[in-house]
PDB file of all heavy atoms in Angstrom:
ATOM      1  N   GLY A   1     -13.387 -15.660   4.460  1.00  0.00           N
ATOM      2  CA  GLY A   1     -12.279 -16.213   5.224  1.00  0.00           C
ATOM      3  C   GLY A   1     -11.071 -16.506   4.357  1.00  0.00           C
ATOM      4  O   GLY A   1      -9.950 -16.099   4.673  1.00  0.00           O
ATOM      5  N   THR A   2     -11.290 -17.191   3.226  1.00  0.00           N
ATOM      6  CA  THR A   2     -10.150 -17.579   2.380  1.00  0.00           C
ATOM      7  C   THR A   2      -9.526 -16.389   1.663  1.00  0.00           C
ATOM      8  O   THR A   2      -8.355 -16.447   1.278  1.00  0.00           O
ATOM      9  CB  THR A   2     -10.588 -18.638   1.343  1.00  0.00           C
ATOM     10  OG1 THR A   2     -11.868 -18.289   0.801  1.00  0.00           O
ATOM     11  CG2 THR A   2     -10.678 -20.002   1.983  1.00  0.00           C
ATOM     12  N   THR A   3     -10.279 -15.298   1.478  1.00  0.00           N
ATOM     13  CA  THR A   3      -9.681 -14.103   0.868  1.00  0.00           C
ATOM     14  C   THR A   3      -8.572 -13.542   1.748  1.00  0.00           C
ATOM     15  O   THR A   3      -7.647 -12.886   1.264  1.00  0.00           O
ATOM     16  CB  THR A   3     -10.767 -13.030   0.615  1.00  0.00           C
ATOM     17  OG1 THR A   3     -11.713 -13.545  -0.326  1.00  0.00           O
ATOM     18  CG2 THR A   3     -10.169 -11.757   0.029  1.00  0.00           C
ATOM     19  N   LYS A   4      -8.653 -13.820   3.046  1.00  0.00           N
ATOM     20  CA  LYS A   4      -7.599 -13.365   3.964  1.00  0.00           C
ATOM     21  C   LYS A   4      -6.313 -14.158   3.766  1.00  0.00           C
ATOM     22  O   LYS A   4      -5.250 -13.745   4.230  1.00  0.00           O
ATOM     23  CB  LYS A   4      -8.068 -13.516   5.414  1.00  0.00           C
ATOM     24  CG  LYS A   4      -9.292 -12.686   5.762  1.00  0.00           C
ATOM     25  CD  LYS A   4      -9.832 -13.056   7.135  1.00  0.00           C
ATOM     26  CE  LYS A   4     -11.151 -12.346   7.400  1.00  0.00           C
ATOM     27  NZ  LYS A   4     -11.775 -12.794   8.680  1.00  0.00           N
ATOM     28  N   VAL A   5      -6.425 -15.297   3.076  1.00  0.00           N
ATOM     29  CA  VAL A   5      -5.262 -16.156   2.828  1.00  0.00           C
ATOM     30  C   VAL A   5      -4.734 -15.951   1.411  1.00  0.00           C
ATOM     31  O   VAL A   5      -3.548 -15.740   1.198  1.00  0.00           O
ATOM     32  CB  VAL A   5      -5.641 -17.634   3.048  1.00  0.00           C
ATOM     33  CG1 VAL A   5      -4.473 -18.551   2.704  1.00  0.00           C
ATOM     34  CG2 VAL A   5      -6.082 -17.855   4.488  1.00  0.00           C
ATOM     35  N   GLY A   6      -5.643 -16.015   0.424  1.00  0.00           N
ATOM     36  CA  GLY A   6      -5.240 -15.830  -0.970  1.00  0.00           C
ATOM     37  C   GLY A   6      -5.046 -17.152  -1.678  1.00  0.00           C
ATOM     38  O   GLY A   6      -4.244 -17.983  -1.251  1.00  0.00           O
ATOM     39  N   ASP A   7      -5.792 -17.368  -2.747  1.00  0.00           N
ATOM     40  CA  ASP A   7      -5.697 -18.596  -3.537  1.00  0.00           C
ATOM     41  C   ASP A   7      -4.488 -18.507  -4.460  1.00  0.00           C
ATOM     42  O   ASP A   7      -4.424 -17.630  -5.322  1.00  0.00           O
ATOM     43  CB  ASP A   7      -6.978 -18.776  -4.361  1.00  0.00           C
ATOM     44  CG  ASP A   7      -6.978 -20.069  -5.166  1.00  0.00           C
ATOM     45  OD1 ASP A   7      -6.014 -20.844  -5.036  1.00  0.00           O
ATOM     46  OD2 ASP A   7      -7.941 -20.283  -5.924  1.00  0.00           O
ATOM     47  N   PRO A   8      -3.511 -19.404  -4.337  1.00  0.00           N
ATOM     48  CA  PRO A   8      -2.342 -19.354  -5.220  1.00  0.00           C
ATOM     49  C   PRO A   8      -2.609 -19.891  -6.614  1.00  0.00           C
ATOM     50  O   PRO A   8      -1.752 -19.769  -7.497  1.00  0.00           O
ATOM     51  CB  PRO A   8      -1.324 -20.227  -4.488  1.00  0.00           C
ATOM     52  CG  PRO A   8      -2.153 -21.222  -3.736  1.00  0.00           C
ATOM     53  CD  PRO A   8      -3.405 -20.475  -3.322  1.00  0.00           C
ATOM     54  N   SER A   9      -3.790 -20.508  -6.844  1.00  0.00           N
ATOM     55  CA  SER A   9      -4.081 -21.121  -8.146  1.00  0.00           C
ATOM     56  C   SER A   9      -4.020 -20.093  -9.262  1.00  0.00           C
ATOM     57  O   SER A   9      -4.743 -19.095  -9.240  1.00  0.00           O
ATOM     58  CB  SER A   9      -5.473 -21.769  -8.125  1.00  0.00           C
ATOM     59  OG  SER A   9      -5.561 -22.763  -7.131  1.00  0.00           O
ATOM     60  N   GLY A  10      -3.159 -20.338 -10.239  1.00  0.00           N
ATOM     61  CA  GLY A  10      -3.074 -19.462 -11.395  1.00  0.00           C
ATOM     62  C   GLY A  10      -2.422 -18.125 -11.115  1.00  0.00           C
ATOM     63  O   GLY A  10      -2.428 -17.236 -11.967  1.00  0.00           O
ATOM     64  N   LYS A  11      -1.830 -17.955  -9.936  1.00  0.00           N
ATOM     65  CA  LYS A  11      -1.227 -16.673  -9.581  1.00  0.00           C
ATOM     66  C   LYS A  11       0.292 -16.802  -9.576  1.00  0.00           C
ATOM     67  O   LYS A  11       0.848 -17.771  -9.082  1.00  0.00           O
ATOM     68  CB  LYS A  11      -1.710 -16.209  -8.199  1.00  0.00           C
ATOM     69  CG  LYS A  11      -3.223 -16.121  -8.080  1.00  0.00           C
ATOM     70  CD  LYS A  11      -3.803 -15.078  -9.011  1.00  0.00           C
ATOM     71  CE  LYS A  11      -5.299 -14.931  -8.849  1.00  0.00           C
ATOM     72  NZ  LYS A  11      -6.050 -16.142  -9.207  1.00  0.00           N
ATOM     73  N   ASP A  12       0.946 -15.771 -10.126  1.00  0.00           N
ATOM     74  CA  ASP A  12       2.398 -15.785 -10.187  1.00  0.00           C
ATOM     75  C   ASP A  12       3.040 -15.158  -8.958  1.00  0.00           C
ATOM     76  O   ASP A  12       4.236 -15.263  -8.735  1.00  0.00           O
ATOM     77  CB  ASP A  12       2.889 -15.028 -11.430  1.00  0.00           C
ATOM     78  CG  ASP A  12       2.589 -15.803 -12.710  1.00  0.00           C
ATOM     79  OD1 ASP A  12       2.361 -17.015 -12.623  1.00  0.00           O
ATOM     80  OD2 ASP A  12       2.574 -15.175 -13.791  1.00  0.00           O
ATOM     81  N   GLU A  13       2.257 -14.446  -8.171  1.00  0.00           N
ATOM     82  CA  GLU A  13       2.837 -13.743  -7.035  1.00  0.00           C
ATOM     83  C   GLU A  13       1.830 -13.661  -5.894  1.00  0.00           C
ATOM     84  O   GLU A  13       0.647 -13.946  -6.054  1.00  0.00           O
ATOM     85  CB  GLU A  13       3.260 -12.327  -7.444  1.00  0.00           C
ATOM     86  CG  GLU A  13       2.129 -11.506  -8.027  1.00  0.00           C
ATOM     87  CD  GLU A  13       2.619 -10.178  -8.598  1.00  0.00           C
ATOM     88  OE1 GLU A  13       3.788 -10.092  -9.002  1.00  0.00           O
ATOM     89  OE2 GLU A  13       1.811  -9.235  -8.624  1.00  0.00           O
ATOM     90  N   VAL A  14       2.328 -13.281  -4.736  1.00  0.00           N
ATOM     91  CA  VAL A  14       1.494 -13.188  -3.546  1.00  0.00           C
ATOM     92  C   VAL A  14       0.509 -12.031  -3.689  1.00  0.00           C
ATOM     93  O   VAL A  14       0.864 -10.940  -4.117  1.00  0.00           O
ATOM     94  CB  VAL A  14       2.377 -12.975  -2.299  1.00  0.00           C
ATOM     95  CG1 VAL A  14       1.508 -12.852  -1.051  1.00  0.00           C
ATOM     96  CG2 VAL A  14       3.369 -14.119  -2.141  1.00  0.00           C
ATOM     97  N   ARG A  15      -0.736 -12.283  -3.327  1.00  0.00           N
ATOM     98  CA  ARG A  15      -1.752 -11.246  -3.404  1.00  0.00           C
ATOM     99  C   ARG A  15      -1.630 -10.271  -2.238  1.00  0.00           C
ATOM    100  O   ARG A  15      -1.194 -10.633  -1.147  1.00  0.00           O
ATOM    101  CB  ARG A  15      -3.155 -11.871  -3.336  1.00  0.00           C
ATOM    102  CG  ARG A  15      -3.686 -12.361  -4.668  1.00  0.00           C
ATOM    103  CD  ARG A  15      -5.060 -12.937  -4.455  1.00  0.00           C
ATOM    104  NE  ARG A  15      -5.706 -13.264  -5.716  1.00  0.00           N
ATOM    105  CZ  ARG A  15      -6.828 -13.969  -5.798  1.00  0.00           C
ATOM    106  NH1 ARG A  15      -7.409 -14.411  -4.704  1.00  0.00           N
ATOM    107  NH2 ARG A  15      -7.362 -14.231  -6.961  1.00  0.00           N
ATOM    108  N   LYS A  16      -2.072  -9.048  -2.477  1.00  0.00           N
ATOM    109  CA  LYS A  16      -2.168  -8.065  -1.413  1.00  0.00           C
ATOM    110  C   LYS A  16      -3.305  -8.466  -0.483  1.00  0.00           C
ATOM    111  O   LYS A  16      -4.401  -8.811  -0.921  1.00  0.00           O
ATOM    112  CB  LYS A  16      -2.446  -6.678  -2.006  1.00  0.00           C
ATOM    113  CG  LYS A  16      -2.628  -5.589  -0.962  1.00  0.00           C
ATOM    114  CD  LYS A  16      -2.987  -4.267  -1.610  1.00  0.00           C
ATOM    115  CE  LYS A  16      -3.250  -3.201  -0.566  1.00  0.00           C
ATOM    116  NZ  LYS A  16      -3.667  -1.911  -1.187  1.00  0.00           N
ATOM    117  N   LEU A  17      -3.042  -8.461   0.822  1.00  0.00           N
ATOM    118  CA  LEU A  17      -4.053  -8.873   1.789  1.00  0.00           C
ATOM    119  C   LEU A  17      -4.987  -7.710   2.115  1.00  0.00           C
ATOM    120  O   LEU A  17      -4.557  -6.571   2.285  1.00  0.00           O
ATOM    121  CB  LEU A  17      -3.379  -9.386   3.064  1.00  0.00           C
ATOM    122  CG  LEU A  17      -2.525 -10.651   2.913  1.00  0.00           C
ATOM    123  CD1 LEU A  17      -1.923 -11.051   4.251  1.00  0.00           C
ATOM    124  CD2 LEU A  17      -3.348 -11.798   2.342  1.00  0.00           C
ATOM    125  N   LEU A  18      -6.275  -8.010   2.222  1.00  0.00           N
ATOM    126  CA  LEU A  18      -7.291  -7.008   2.552  1.00  0.00           C
ATOM    127  C   LEU A  18      -7.680  -7.138   4.020  1.00  0.00           C
ATOM    128  O   LEU A  18      -7.610  -8.221   4.602  1.00  0.00           O
ATOM    129  CB  LEU A  18      -8.536  -7.207   1.682  1.00  0.00           C
ATOM    130  CG  LEU A  18      -8.355  -7.097   0.167  1.00  0.00           C
ATOM    131  CD1 LEU A  18      -9.661  -7.446  -0.531  1.00  0.00           C
ATOM    132  CD2 LEU A  18      -7.913  -5.699  -0.219  1.00  0.00           C
ATOM    133  N   ASP A  19      -8.145  -6.027   4.610  1.00  0.00           N
ATOM    134  CA  ASP A  19      -8.634  -6.105   5.989  1.00  0.00           C
ATOM    135  C   ASP A  19     -10.103  -6.518   5.988  1.00  0.00           C
ATOM    136  O   ASP A  19     -10.746  -6.622   4.937  1.00  0.00           O
ATOM    137  CB  ASP A  19      -8.432  -4.771   6.723  1.00  0.00           C
ATOM    138  CG  ASP A  19      -9.155  -3.603   6.064  1.00  0.00           C
ATOM    139  OD1 ASP A  19     -10.137  -3.826   5.311  1.00  0.00           O
ATOM    140  OD2 ASP A  19      -8.752  -2.451   6.297  1.00  0.00           O
ATOM    141  N   ASN A  20     -10.652  -6.755   7.173  1.00  0.00           N
ATOM    142  CA  ASN A  20     -12.023  -7.253   7.294  1.00  0.00           C
ATOM    143  C   ASN A  20     -13.041  -6.287   6.699  1.00  0.00           C
ATOM    144  O   ASN A  20     -14.009  -6.719   6.051  1.00  0.00           O
ATOM    145  CB  ASN A  20     -12.355  -7.509   8.764  1.00  0.00           C
ATOM    146  CG  ASN A  20     -11.660  -8.734   9.310  1.00  0.00           C
ATOM    147  OD1 ASN A  20     -11.286  -9.627   8.552  1.00  0.00           O
ATOM    148  ND2 ASN A  20     -11.480  -8.800  10.615  1.00  0.00           N
ATOM    149  N   ASP A  21     -12.847  -4.981   6.919  1.00  0.00           N
ATOM    150  CA  ASP A  21     -13.798  -3.991   6.398  1.00  0.00           C
ATOM    151  C   ASP A  21     -13.806  -4.000   4.871  1.00  0.00           C
ATOM    152  O   ASP A  21     -14.871  -3.925   4.244  1.00  0.00           O
ATOM    153  CB  ASP A  21     -13.450  -2.590   6.922  1.00  0.00           C
ATOM    154  CG  ASP A  21     -13.737  -2.433   8.406  1.00  0.00           C
ATOM    155  OD1 ASP A  21     -14.490  -3.271   8.949  1.00  0.00           O
ATOM    156  OD2 ASP A  21     -13.203  -1.491   9.022  1.00  0.00           O
ATOM    157  N   GLY A  22     -12.629  -4.092   4.270  1.00  0.00           N
ATOM    158  CA  GLY A  22     -12.542  -4.116   2.809  1.00  0.00           C
ATOM    159  C   GLY A  22     -13.198  -5.356   2.228  1.00  0.00           C
ATOM    160  O   GLY A  22     -13.911  -5.288   1.222  1.00  0.00           O
ATOM    161  N   ILE A  23     -12.978  -6.500   2.877  1.00  0.00           N
ATOM    162  CA  ILE A  23     -13.585  -7.748   2.412  1.00  0.00           C
ATOM    163  C   ILE A  23     -15.102  -7.690   2.536  1.00  0.00           C
ATOM    164  O   ILE A  23     -15.835  -8.074   1.619  1.00  0.00           O
ATOM    165  CB  ILE A  23     -13.016  -8.946   3.194  1.00  0.00           C
ATOM    166  CG1 ILE A  23     -11.540  -9.159   2.831  1.00  0.00           C
ATOM    167  CG2 ILE A  23     -13.820 -10.214   2.909  1.00  0.00           C
ATOM    168  CD1 ILE A  23     -10.830 -10.191   3.678  1.00  0.00           C
ATOM    169  N   SER A  24     -15.609  -7.179   3.650  1.00  0.00           N
ATOM    170  CA  SER A  24     -17.061  -7.084   3.866  1.00  0.00           C
ATOM    171  C   SER A  24     -17.708  -6.165   2.844  1.00  0.00           C
ATOM    172  O   SER A  24     -18.793  -6.465   2.318  1.00  0.00           O
ATOM    173  CB  SER A  24     -17.350  -6.585   5.282  1.00  0.00           C
ATOM    174  OG  SER A  24     -16.892  -7.511   6.249  1.00  0.00           O
ATOM    175  N   ALA A  25     -17.058  -5.037   2.549  1.00  0.00           N
ATOM    176  CA  ALA A  25     -17.595  -4.104   1.552  1.00  0.00           C
ATOM    177  C   ALA A  25     -17.630  -4.744   0.172  1.00  0.00           C
ATOM    178  O   ALA A  25     -18.596  -4.573  -0.584  1.00  0.00           O
ATOM    179  CB  ALA A  25     -16.751  -2.827   1.528  1.00  0.00           C
TER     180      ALA A  25
END
């Protein structure tokens, strides 16, 4: 669930969002 949001901790930029199939794999 949280991978769909992206943790900003320690990150300098916005992460690329993954779809449900990519996250499940």
